[in-house]
C-alpha cells in the first residue's frame, strides 16, 4: 500500500507531498470507502450528482482541505449529461484549493456491464469532455481505461466488487 505522503505523480513533481487524501463522490465512492477502509477523509452519497456535490459533498470536506491535501473527485455516473457544469464547478474549486496548497484530482467515470452497459458510450463521452476541459489545477486520472484493459467485476453491473474497488483505489494512489 502506498501511503499518501510517499505517493508521486510523474507529470507534476509538486504533488509529491500529498499527506491528506480527501474523497468526494457517489455510491461507487461509498462502496470504495467500505472496501478499503483506512484513514482518508470521505464524503459520499448513494445516487449523488452535481447538485449534492455542490450543496453537501464539497461543503462537508472543505474544512479539511489545506496544504498537502489531495482532493479526489469521483462523480458523474448519475448525471452524465452535465459535463460542462461539472467542469465549471471543479475548475473553480480547484483554483481555490490550489491557493491553499491542495491539489485536485478528477477520476474518470468507470465502465459498467450487463444491464448498465448501455451507459458506456455516454461514460466515454463524459470522460473525454472532462479530460479536455479540466484546467491545470486538476489532474485527470483515467481509471476507466485501466479497468477496461485489466478487467473488473461488478455486483450489479454498476457497483464493483471489493477487489475492483481496491484496484481502483490503488490505481488512484499510484497516480497522485
N, C-alpha and C. Protein backbone atom coordinates (compact mmCIF):
# COMPACT_ATOMS: atom_id res chain seq x y z
N UNK A 1 0.84 -1.19 0.00
CA UNK A 1 0.00 0.00 0.00
C UNK A 1 0.88 1.24 0.00
N UNK A 2 0.56 2.17 -0.87
CA UNK A 2 1.30 3.43 -0.94
C UNK A 2 0.62 4.41 0.00
N UNK A 3 1.39 4.99 0.87
CA UNK A 3 0.82 5.99 1.78
C UNK A 3 0.81 7.34 1.08
N UNK A 4 -0.19 8.18 1.36
CA UNK A 4 -0.30 9.45 0.64
C UNK A 4 0.97 10.28 0.68
N UNK A 5 1.71 10.24 1.78
CA UNK A 5 2.89 11.09 1.89
C UNK A 5 4.02 10.62 0.98
N UNK A 6 3.95 9.37 0.48
CA UNK A 6 5.00 8.88 -0.39
C UNK A 6 4.54 8.75 -1.83
N UNK A 7 3.30 9.09 -2.10
CA UNK A 7 2.78 8.96 -3.46
C UNK A 7 3.40 10.03 -4.35
N UNK A 8 3.59 9.69 -5.62
CA UNK A 8 4.16 10.64 -6.56
C UNK A 8 3.36 10.65 -7.85
N UNK A 9 3.56 11.68 -8.60
CA UNK A 9 2.92 11.80 -9.91
C UNK A 9 3.98 12.28 -10.89
N UNK A 10 4.20 11.55 -11.95
CA UNK A 10 5.25 11.87 -12.89
C UNK A 10 5.09 13.24 -13.52
N UNK A 11 3.86 13.61 -13.86
CA UNK A 11 3.67 14.84 -14.62
C UNK A 11 3.76 16.10 -13.77
N UNK A 12 3.76 15.97 -12.47
CA UNK A 12 3.78 17.18 -11.65
C UNK A 12 4.48 16.91 -10.32
N UNK A 13 5.80 17.06 -10.27
CA UNK A 13 6.55 16.76 -9.06
C UNK A 13 6.09 17.53 -7.83
N UNK A 14 5.39 18.65 -8.00
CA UNK A 14 4.95 19.43 -6.85
C UNK A 14 3.90 18.69 -6.03
N UNK A 15 3.34 17.59 -6.58
CA UNK A 15 2.30 16.86 -5.87
C UNK A 15 2.85 15.72 -5.03
N UNK A 16 4.15 15.66 -4.83
CA UNK A 16 4.74 14.54 -4.12
C UNK A 16 4.49 14.60 -2.63
N UNK A 17 3.98 15.68 -2.12
CA UNK A 17 3.79 15.80 -0.68
C UNK A 17 2.32 15.73 -0.27
N UNK A 18 1.55 14.87 -0.90
CA UNK A 18 0.16 14.68 -0.51
C UNK A 18 0.15 13.94 0.82
N UNK A 19 -0.37 14.59 1.84
CA UNK A 19 -0.38 13.99 3.18
C UNK A 19 -1.79 13.74 3.69
N UNK A 20 -2.78 14.19 2.95
CA UNK A 20 -4.16 14.10 3.40
C UNK A 20 -5.05 13.86 2.19
N UNK A 21 -5.55 12.63 2.03
CA UNK A 21 -6.43 12.33 0.91
C UNK A 21 -7.88 12.53 1.31
N UNK A 22 -8.60 13.26 0.45
CA UNK A 22 -10.00 13.58 0.70
C UNK A 22 -10.80 13.16 -0.54
N UNK A 23 -11.76 12.26 -0.35
CA UNK A 23 -12.56 11.75 -1.45
C UNK A 23 -13.97 12.32 -1.37
N UNK A 24 -14.50 12.69 -2.53
CA UNK A 24 -15.90 13.10 -2.62
C UNK A 24 -16.51 12.40 -3.83
N UNK A 25 -17.67 11.74 -3.60
CA UNK A 25 -18.26 11.02 -4.71
C UNK A 25 -19.61 10.40 -4.42
N UNK A 26 -20.05 9.60 -5.37
CA UNK A 26 -21.38 8.99 -5.34
C UNK A 26 -21.34 7.59 -4.72
N UNK A 27 -22.31 6.75 -5.05
CA UNK A 27 -22.41 5.42 -4.44
C UNK A 27 -21.18 4.56 -4.70
N UNK A 28 -20.53 4.76 -5.81
CA UNK A 28 -19.32 4.00 -6.09
C UNK A 28 -18.21 4.39 -5.11
N UNK A 29 -18.20 5.63 -4.69
CA UNK A 29 -17.24 6.09 -3.70
C UNK A 29 -17.59 5.53 -2.32
N UNK A 30 -18.87 5.48 -2.00
CA UNK A 30 -19.32 4.87 -0.75
C UNK A 30 -18.86 3.41 -0.72
N UNK A 31 -19.02 2.71 -1.84
CA UNK A 31 -18.57 1.32 -1.92
C UNK A 31 -17.07 1.18 -1.76
N UNK A 32 -16.32 2.10 -2.37
CA UNK A 32 -14.87 2.05 -2.26
C UNK A 32 -14.43 2.31 -0.82
N UNK A 33 -15.05 3.26 -0.16
CA UNK A 33 -14.72 3.54 1.24
C UNK A 33 -14.94 2.28 2.08
N UNK A 34 -16.05 1.60 1.87
CA UNK A 34 -16.35 0.38 2.61
C UNK A 34 -15.31 -0.71 2.33
N UNK A 35 -14.85 -0.79 1.10
CA UNK A 35 -13.90 -1.83 0.70
C UNK A 35 -12.49 -1.57 1.21
N UNK A 36 -12.05 -0.31 1.22
CA UNK A 36 -10.65 -0.02 1.52
C UNK A 36 -10.42 0.46 2.95
N UNK A 37 -11.45 1.00 3.61
CA UNK A 37 -11.25 1.49 4.98
C UNK A 37 -10.19 2.58 5.01
N UNK A 38 -9.35 2.56 6.01
CA UNK A 38 -8.23 3.50 6.07
C UNK A 38 -8.56 4.81 6.75
N UNK A 39 -7.58 5.69 6.70
CA UNK A 39 -7.66 6.96 7.42
C UNK A 39 -7.95 8.15 6.53
N UNK A 40 -8.36 7.92 5.30
CA UNK A 40 -8.67 9.03 4.42
C UNK A 40 -9.98 9.69 4.85
N UNK A 41 -10.22 10.89 4.34
CA UNK A 41 -11.47 11.61 4.59
C UNK A 41 -12.42 11.32 3.43
N UNK A 42 -13.68 11.02 3.74
CA UNK A 42 -14.65 10.63 2.72
C UNK A 42 -15.93 11.44 2.85
N UNK A 43 -16.47 11.84 1.70
CA UNK A 43 -17.79 12.45 1.64
C UNK A 43 -18.49 11.84 0.43
N UNK A 44 -19.42 10.92 0.69
CA UNK A 44 -20.08 10.23 -0.40
C UNK A 44 -21.54 9.98 -0.11
N UNK A 45 -22.30 9.81 -1.16
CA UNK A 45 -23.73 9.55 -1.00
C UNK A 45 -24.24 8.74 -2.18
N UNK A 46 -25.07 7.76 -1.88
CA UNK A 46 -25.72 6.96 -2.92
C UNK A 46 -26.61 7.86 -3.77
N UNK A 47 -26.59 7.66 -5.08
CA UNK A 47 -27.39 8.40 -6.06
C UNK A 47 -27.03 9.88 -6.15
N UNK A 48 -25.86 10.25 -5.68
CA UNK A 48 -25.46 11.66 -5.68
C UNK A 48 -25.04 12.11 -7.08
N UNK A 49 -25.29 13.39 -7.33
CA UNK A 49 -24.86 14.04 -8.56
C UNK A 49 -24.29 15.40 -8.25
N UNK A 50 -24.20 16.23 -9.27
CA UNK A 50 -23.58 17.55 -9.12
C UNK A 50 -24.30 18.41 -8.08
N UNK A 51 -25.62 18.37 -8.04
CA UNK A 51 -26.34 19.21 -7.07
C UNK A 51 -25.94 18.86 -5.64
N UNK A 52 -25.86 17.56 -5.33
CA UNK A 52 -25.43 17.12 -4.00
C UNK A 52 -23.98 17.52 -3.75
N UNK A 53 -23.14 17.35 -4.76
CA UNK A 53 -21.73 17.70 -4.61
C UNK A 53 -21.58 19.17 -4.22
N UNK A 54 -22.35 20.04 -4.87
CA UNK A 54 -22.26 21.48 -4.59
C UNK A 54 -22.88 21.84 -3.25
N UNK A 55 -24.02 21.24 -2.92
CA UNK A 55 -24.74 21.65 -1.71
C UNK A 55 -24.23 20.98 -0.45
N UNK A 56 -23.71 19.76 -0.56
CA UNK A 56 -23.38 18.98 0.63
C UNK A 56 -22.01 18.32 0.55
N UNK A 57 -21.72 17.63 -0.54
CA UNK A 57 -20.49 16.85 -0.64
C UNK A 57 -19.23 17.65 -0.42
N UNK A 58 -19.07 18.73 -1.17
CA UNK A 58 -17.88 19.58 -1.02
C UNK A 58 -17.92 20.38 0.28
N UNK A 59 -19.04 21.00 0.65
CA UNK A 59 -19.05 21.70 1.94
C UNK A 59 -18.66 20.79 3.12
N UNK A 60 -18.98 19.50 3.05
CA UNK A 60 -18.62 18.57 4.13
C UNK A 60 -17.11 18.40 4.28
N UNK A 61 -16.35 18.59 3.21
CA UNK A 61 -14.92 18.32 3.27
C UNK A 61 -14.04 19.57 3.18
N UNK A 62 -14.63 20.71 2.87
CA UNK A 62 -13.80 21.90 2.66
C UNK A 62 -13.00 22.30 3.89
N UNK A 63 -13.50 22.06 5.07
CA UNK A 63 -12.74 22.38 6.27
C UNK A 63 -11.50 21.53 6.45
N UNK A 64 -11.41 20.43 5.75
CA UNK A 64 -10.26 19.53 5.82
C UNK A 64 -9.22 19.81 4.75
N UNK A 65 -9.53 20.70 3.82
CA UNK A 65 -8.64 20.95 2.68
C UNK A 65 -7.64 22.04 3.05
N UNK A 66 -6.36 21.73 2.84
CA UNK A 66 -5.30 22.69 3.10
C UNK A 66 -4.02 22.23 2.44
N UNK A 67 -2.92 22.80 2.87
CA UNK A 67 -1.62 22.46 2.32
C UNK A 67 -1.36 20.97 2.46
N UNK A 68 -1.02 20.31 1.36
CA UNK A 68 -0.75 18.88 1.38
C UNK A 68 -1.96 18.01 1.14
N UNK A 69 -3.13 18.60 0.94
CA UNK A 69 -4.33 17.82 0.68
C UNK A 69 -4.40 17.41 -0.79
N UNK A 70 -4.91 16.22 -1.01
CA UNK A 70 -5.27 15.77 -2.35
C UNK A 70 -6.76 15.53 -2.36
N UNK A 71 -7.49 16.36 -3.11
CA UNK A 71 -8.94 16.23 -3.19
C UNK A 71 -9.25 15.37 -4.41
N UNK A 72 -9.86 14.20 -4.16
CA UNK A 72 -10.12 13.22 -5.21
C UNK A 72 -11.63 13.20 -5.48
N UNK A 73 -12.02 13.58 -6.68
CA UNK A 73 -13.43 13.67 -7.06
C UNK A 73 -13.80 12.49 -7.94
N UNK A 74 -14.81 11.74 -7.51
CA UNK A 74 -15.31 10.58 -8.25
C UNK A 74 -16.81 10.78 -8.46
N UNK A 75 -17.17 11.58 -9.43
CA UNK A 75 -18.56 11.93 -9.67
C UNK A 75 -18.87 11.84 -11.16
N UNK A 76 -20.16 11.73 -11.48
CA UNK A 76 -20.58 11.86 -12.86
C UNK A 76 -21.50 10.78 -13.38
N UNK A 77 -21.44 9.57 -12.86
CA UNK A 77 -22.22 8.49 -13.44
C UNK A 77 -23.73 8.73 -13.32
N UNK A 78 -24.14 9.50 -12.32
CA UNK A 78 -25.56 9.76 -12.12
C UNK A 78 -26.11 10.93 -12.92
N UNK A 79 -25.23 11.69 -13.54
CA UNK A 79 -25.68 12.78 -14.41
C UNK A 79 -24.64 13.05 -15.49
N UNK A 80 -24.52 12.08 -16.38
CA UNK A 80 -23.52 12.11 -17.45
C UNK A 80 -23.72 13.24 -18.44
N UNK A 81 -24.91 13.83 -18.46
CA UNK A 81 -25.22 14.91 -19.40
C UNK A 81 -24.79 16.28 -18.89
N UNK A 82 -24.14 16.35 -17.71
CA UNK A 82 -23.80 17.64 -17.11
C UNK A 82 -22.29 17.92 -17.08
N UNK A 83 -21.56 17.39 -18.03
CA UNK A 83 -20.11 17.56 -18.03
C UNK A 83 -19.69 19.02 -17.96
N UNK A 84 -20.34 19.89 -18.72
CA UNK A 84 -19.92 21.30 -18.72
C UNK A 84 -20.14 21.95 -17.35
N UNK A 85 -21.20 21.57 -16.67
CA UNK A 85 -21.45 22.11 -15.32
C UNK A 85 -20.43 21.57 -14.32
N UNK A 86 -20.09 20.28 -14.44
CA UNK A 86 -19.03 19.72 -13.60
C UNK A 86 -17.72 20.46 -13.84
N UNK A 87 -17.39 20.69 -15.10
CA UNK A 87 -16.14 21.38 -15.42
C UNK A 87 -16.08 22.76 -14.79
N UNK A 88 -17.13 23.53 -14.92
CA UNK A 88 -17.15 24.89 -14.35
C UNK A 88 -16.92 24.83 -12.84
N UNK A 89 -17.66 23.96 -12.18
CA UNK A 89 -17.57 23.88 -10.71
C UNK A 89 -16.22 23.35 -10.25
N UNK A 90 -15.75 22.26 -10.85
CA UNK A 90 -14.49 21.65 -10.41
C UNK A 90 -13.32 22.58 -10.71
N UNK A 91 -13.29 23.20 -11.87
CA UNK A 91 -12.20 24.13 -12.19
C UNK A 91 -12.16 25.30 -11.21
N UNK A 92 -13.33 25.83 -10.87
CA UNK A 92 -13.40 26.94 -9.92
C UNK A 92 -12.89 26.51 -8.54
N UNK A 93 -13.37 25.36 -8.06
CA UNK A 93 -12.95 24.87 -6.74
C UNK A 93 -11.46 24.54 -6.73
N UNK A 94 -10.97 23.93 -7.80
CA UNK A 94 -9.55 23.56 -7.86
C UNK A 94 -8.67 24.79 -7.77
N UNK A 95 -9.07 25.89 -8.39
CA UNK A 95 -8.30 27.13 -8.30
C UNK A 95 -8.25 27.62 -6.87
N UNK A 96 -9.38 27.57 -6.18
CA UNK A 96 -9.44 28.00 -4.78
C UNK A 96 -8.57 27.09 -3.91
N UNK A 97 -8.73 25.80 -4.08
CA UNK A 97 -7.97 24.84 -3.26
C UNK A 97 -6.47 24.94 -3.53
N UNK A 98 -6.09 25.19 -4.78
CA UNK A 98 -4.66 25.31 -5.11
C UNK A 98 -4.03 26.48 -4.36
N UNK A 99 -4.79 27.54 -4.16
CA UNK A 99 -4.25 28.70 -3.45
C UNK A 99 -3.98 28.38 -1.98
N UNK A 100 -4.56 27.30 -1.46
CA UNK A 100 -4.27 26.90 -0.08
C UNK A 100 -3.32 25.71 -0.03
N UNK A 101 -2.71 25.36 -1.16
CA UNK A 101 -1.70 24.31 -1.18
C UNK A 101 -2.24 22.91 -1.44
N UNK A 102 -3.50 22.79 -1.85
CA UNK A 102 -4.09 21.48 -2.13
C UNK A 102 -4.06 21.22 -3.63
N UNK A 103 -4.15 19.95 -3.99
CA UNK A 103 -4.26 19.59 -5.40
C UNK A 103 -5.54 18.80 -5.62
N UNK A 104 -6.15 19.00 -6.78
CA UNK A 104 -7.41 18.35 -7.12
C UNK A 104 -7.17 17.28 -8.18
N UNK A 105 -7.81 16.15 -7.99
CA UNK A 105 -7.76 15.03 -8.93
C UNK A 105 -9.19 14.70 -9.34
N UNK A 106 -9.42 14.57 -10.64
CA UNK A 106 -10.71 14.09 -11.11
C UNK A 106 -10.50 12.69 -11.64
N UNK A 107 -11.26 11.74 -11.10
CA UNK A 107 -11.16 10.35 -11.52
C UNK A 107 -12.26 10.08 -12.55
N UNK A 108 -11.87 9.50 -13.67
CA UNK A 108 -12.83 9.20 -14.73
C UNK A 108 -14.00 8.38 -14.19
N UNK A 109 -15.14 8.53 -14.84
CA UNK A 109 -16.27 7.65 -14.55
C UNK A 109 -15.90 6.29 -15.13
N UNK A 110 -16.13 5.25 -14.36
CA UNK A 110 -15.68 3.91 -14.73
C UNK A 110 -16.75 3.12 -15.48
N UNK A 111 -16.33 2.07 -16.18
CA UNK A 111 -17.23 1.32 -17.04
C UNK A 111 -18.28 0.52 -16.27
N UNK A 112 -19.31 0.17 -17.01
CA UNK A 112 -20.41 -0.64 -16.48
C UNK A 112 -20.49 -1.92 -17.31
N UNK A 113 -21.34 -2.84 -16.87
CA UNK A 113 -21.55 -4.07 -17.63
C UNK A 113 -22.99 -4.54 -17.43
N UNK A 114 -23.35 -5.59 -18.14
CA UNK A 114 -24.68 -6.15 -18.01
C UNK A 114 -25.76 -5.16 -18.42
N UNK A 115 -26.80 -5.05 -17.60
CA UNK A 115 -27.93 -4.19 -17.95
C UNK A 115 -27.56 -2.71 -17.97
N UNK A 116 -26.40 -2.35 -17.43
CA UNK A 116 -25.95 -0.95 -17.44
C UNK A 116 -24.96 -0.67 -18.57
N UNK A 117 -24.60 -1.68 -19.37
CA UNK A 117 -23.56 -1.49 -20.38
C UNK A 117 -23.95 -0.45 -21.43
N UNK A 118 -25.25 -0.17 -21.56
CA UNK A 118 -25.67 0.88 -22.50
C UNK A 118 -25.14 2.26 -22.11
N UNK A 119 -24.69 2.43 -20.88
CA UNK A 119 -24.15 3.72 -20.42
C UNK A 119 -22.71 3.96 -20.89
N UNK A 120 -22.02 2.92 -21.34
CA UNK A 120 -20.59 3.06 -21.60
C UNK A 120 -20.23 4.10 -22.65
N UNK A 121 -21.03 4.26 -23.70
CA UNK A 121 -20.70 5.28 -24.70
C UNK A 121 -20.89 6.68 -24.11
N UNK A 122 -21.93 6.87 -23.28
CA UNK A 122 -22.12 8.16 -22.61
C UNK A 122 -21.00 8.40 -21.59
N UNK A 123 -20.56 7.35 -20.91
CA UNK A 123 -19.45 7.48 -19.96
C UNK A 123 -18.19 7.91 -20.70
N UNK A 124 -17.90 7.29 -21.84
CA UNK A 124 -16.72 7.66 -22.62
C UNK A 124 -16.79 9.11 -23.09
N UNK A 125 -17.97 9.55 -23.52
CA UNK A 125 -18.15 10.93 -23.96
C UNK A 125 -17.95 11.90 -22.79
N UNK A 126 -18.55 11.61 -21.65
CA UNK A 126 -18.39 12.44 -20.45
C UNK A 126 -16.91 12.54 -20.07
N UNK A 127 -16.23 11.39 -20.03
CA UNK A 127 -14.81 11.38 -19.64
C UNK A 127 -13.98 12.22 -20.60
N UNK A 128 -14.24 12.12 -21.89
CA UNK A 128 -13.47 12.89 -22.86
C UNK A 128 -13.68 14.39 -22.65
N UNK A 129 -14.93 14.78 -22.39
CA UNK A 129 -15.20 16.21 -22.12
C UNK A 129 -14.49 16.67 -20.87
N UNK A 130 -14.50 15.83 -19.83
CA UNK A 130 -13.82 16.20 -18.59
C UNK A 130 -12.31 16.30 -18.81
N UNK A 131 -11.74 15.30 -19.43
CA UNK A 131 -10.29 15.27 -19.64
C UNK A 131 -9.82 16.50 -20.41
N UNK A 132 -10.56 16.87 -21.44
CA UNK A 132 -10.13 18.00 -22.26
C UNK A 132 -10.48 19.37 -21.66
N UNK A 133 -11.41 19.41 -20.71
CA UNK A 133 -11.86 20.69 -20.18
C UNK A 133 -11.34 21.07 -18.80
N UNK A 134 -10.67 20.15 -18.12
CA UNK A 134 -10.15 20.47 -16.79
C UNK A 134 -8.95 21.40 -16.89
N UNK A 135 -8.85 22.32 -15.95
CA UNK A 135 -7.74 23.27 -16.01
C UNK A 135 -6.46 22.67 -15.41
N UNK A 136 -5.40 23.45 -15.40
CA UNK A 136 -4.08 22.95 -14.98
C UNK A 136 -4.00 22.65 -13.49
N UNK A 137 -4.99 23.06 -12.71
CA UNK A 137 -5.01 22.74 -11.28
C UNK A 137 -5.70 21.41 -10.99
N UNK A 138 -6.11 20.69 -12.03
CA UNK A 138 -6.78 19.40 -11.86
C UNK A 138 -6.02 18.34 -12.65
N UNK A 139 -5.69 17.26 -11.99
CA UNK A 139 -5.09 16.10 -12.65
C UNK A 139 -6.19 15.10 -12.94
N UNK A 140 -6.26 14.65 -14.18
CA UNK A 140 -7.24 13.65 -14.60
C UNK A 140 -6.62 12.26 -14.41
N UNK A 141 -7.30 11.39 -13.71
CA UNK A 141 -6.83 10.02 -13.50
C UNK A 141 -7.78 9.08 -14.25
N UNK A 142 -7.25 8.39 -15.24
CA UNK A 142 -8.05 7.57 -16.14
C UNK A 142 -8.19 6.13 -15.64
N UNK A 143 -9.00 5.93 -14.63
CA UNK A 143 -9.26 4.58 -14.13
C UNK A 143 -10.14 3.80 -15.09
N UNK A 144 -10.93 4.48 -15.91
CA UNK A 144 -11.81 3.83 -16.87
C UNK A 144 -10.99 2.96 -17.84
N UNK A 145 -9.99 3.55 -18.47
CA UNK A 145 -9.14 2.80 -19.39
C UNK A 145 -8.39 1.68 -18.66
N UNK A 146 -7.94 1.98 -17.45
CA UNK A 146 -7.22 0.97 -16.66
C UNK A 146 -8.11 -0.25 -16.40
N UNK A 147 -9.35 -0.01 -16.00
CA UNK A 147 -10.26 -1.14 -15.74
C UNK A 147 -10.60 -1.90 -17.02
N UNK A 148 -10.80 -1.17 -18.11
CA UNK A 148 -11.11 -1.82 -19.38
C UNK A 148 -9.95 -2.71 -19.83
N UNK A 149 -8.72 -2.29 -19.58
CA UNK A 149 -7.57 -3.06 -20.06
C UNK A 149 -7.18 -4.19 -19.11
N UNK A 150 -7.47 -4.03 -17.82
CA UNK A 150 -7.04 -5.05 -16.84
C UNK A 150 -8.18 -5.90 -16.33
N UNK A 151 -9.42 -5.49 -16.60
CA UNK A 151 -10.58 -6.25 -16.15
C UNK A 151 -11.17 -5.70 -14.86
N UNK A 152 -12.45 -5.96 -14.67
CA UNK A 152 -13.16 -5.51 -13.47
C UNK A 152 -14.36 -6.41 -13.25
N UNK A 153 -14.87 -6.39 -12.02
CA UNK A 153 -16.05 -7.17 -11.68
C UNK A 153 -17.04 -6.29 -10.95
N UNK A 154 -18.32 -6.48 -11.26
CA UNK A 154 -19.37 -5.72 -10.58
C UNK A 154 -20.28 -6.68 -9.81
N UNK A 155 -21.04 -6.09 -8.91
CA UNK A 155 -22.04 -6.86 -8.17
C UNK A 155 -23.39 -6.78 -8.85
N UNK A 156 -23.62 -5.70 -9.61
CA UNK A 156 -24.93 -5.47 -10.22
C UNK A 156 -24.84 -4.80 -11.60
N UNK A 157 -23.64 -4.73 -12.16
CA UNK A 157 -23.43 -4.07 -13.44
C UNK A 157 -22.94 -2.64 -13.30
N UNK A 158 -23.21 -2.02 -12.14
CA UNK A 158 -22.86 -0.62 -11.90
C UNK A 158 -21.86 -0.47 -10.74
N UNK A 159 -22.06 -1.22 -9.68
CA UNK A 159 -21.22 -1.14 -8.48
C UNK A 159 -20.24 -2.31 -8.49
N UNK A 160 -19.07 -2.09 -7.93
CA UNK A 160 -17.98 -3.04 -8.06
C UNK A 160 -17.84 -3.97 -6.86
N UNK A 161 -17.11 -5.06 -7.10
CA UNK A 161 -16.73 -5.96 -6.02
C UNK A 161 -15.65 -5.28 -5.18
N UNK A 162 -15.42 -5.78 -3.98
CA UNK A 162 -14.37 -5.22 -3.13
C UNK A 162 -13.01 -5.28 -3.81
N UNK A 163 -12.72 -6.36 -4.53
CA UNK A 163 -11.44 -6.45 -5.24
C UNK A 163 -11.29 -5.34 -6.27
N UNK A 164 -12.35 -5.06 -7.01
CA UNK A 164 -12.27 -3.99 -8.02
C UNK A 164 -12.18 -2.63 -7.35
N UNK A 165 -12.92 -2.40 -6.26
CA UNK A 165 -12.77 -1.13 -5.55
C UNK A 165 -11.34 -0.93 -5.07
N UNK A 166 -10.73 -1.98 -4.56
CA UNK A 166 -9.34 -1.88 -4.13
C UNK A 166 -8.41 -1.60 -5.31
N UNK A 167 -8.68 -2.19 -6.45
CA UNK A 167 -7.89 -1.94 -7.66
C UNK A 167 -8.00 -0.47 -8.06
N UNK A 168 -9.20 0.09 -8.03
CA UNK A 168 -9.42 1.50 -8.37
C UNK A 168 -8.67 2.40 -7.39
N UNK A 169 -8.84 2.13 -6.10
CA UNK A 169 -8.19 2.93 -5.05
C UNK A 169 -6.67 2.92 -5.22
N UNK A 170 -6.10 1.74 -5.42
CA UNK A 170 -4.65 1.64 -5.56
C UNK A 170 -4.16 2.34 -6.83
N UNK A 171 -4.95 2.29 -7.90
CA UNK A 171 -4.57 2.99 -9.13
C UNK A 171 -4.61 4.51 -8.91
N UNK A 172 -5.63 4.98 -8.21
CA UNK A 172 -5.68 6.41 -7.89
C UNK A 172 -4.45 6.81 -7.11
N UNK A 173 -4.13 6.07 -6.06
CA UNK A 173 -3.00 6.43 -5.21
C UNK A 173 -1.68 6.38 -5.98
N UNK A 174 -1.57 5.46 -6.93
CA UNK A 174 -0.33 5.37 -7.70
C UNK A 174 -0.20 6.49 -8.73
N UNK A 175 -1.28 7.26 -8.94
CA UNK A 175 -1.27 8.36 -9.91
C UNK A 175 -1.38 9.73 -9.26
N UNK A 176 -1.12 9.82 -8.00
CA UNK A 176 -1.14 11.12 -7.32
C UNK A 176 0.18 11.84 -7.56
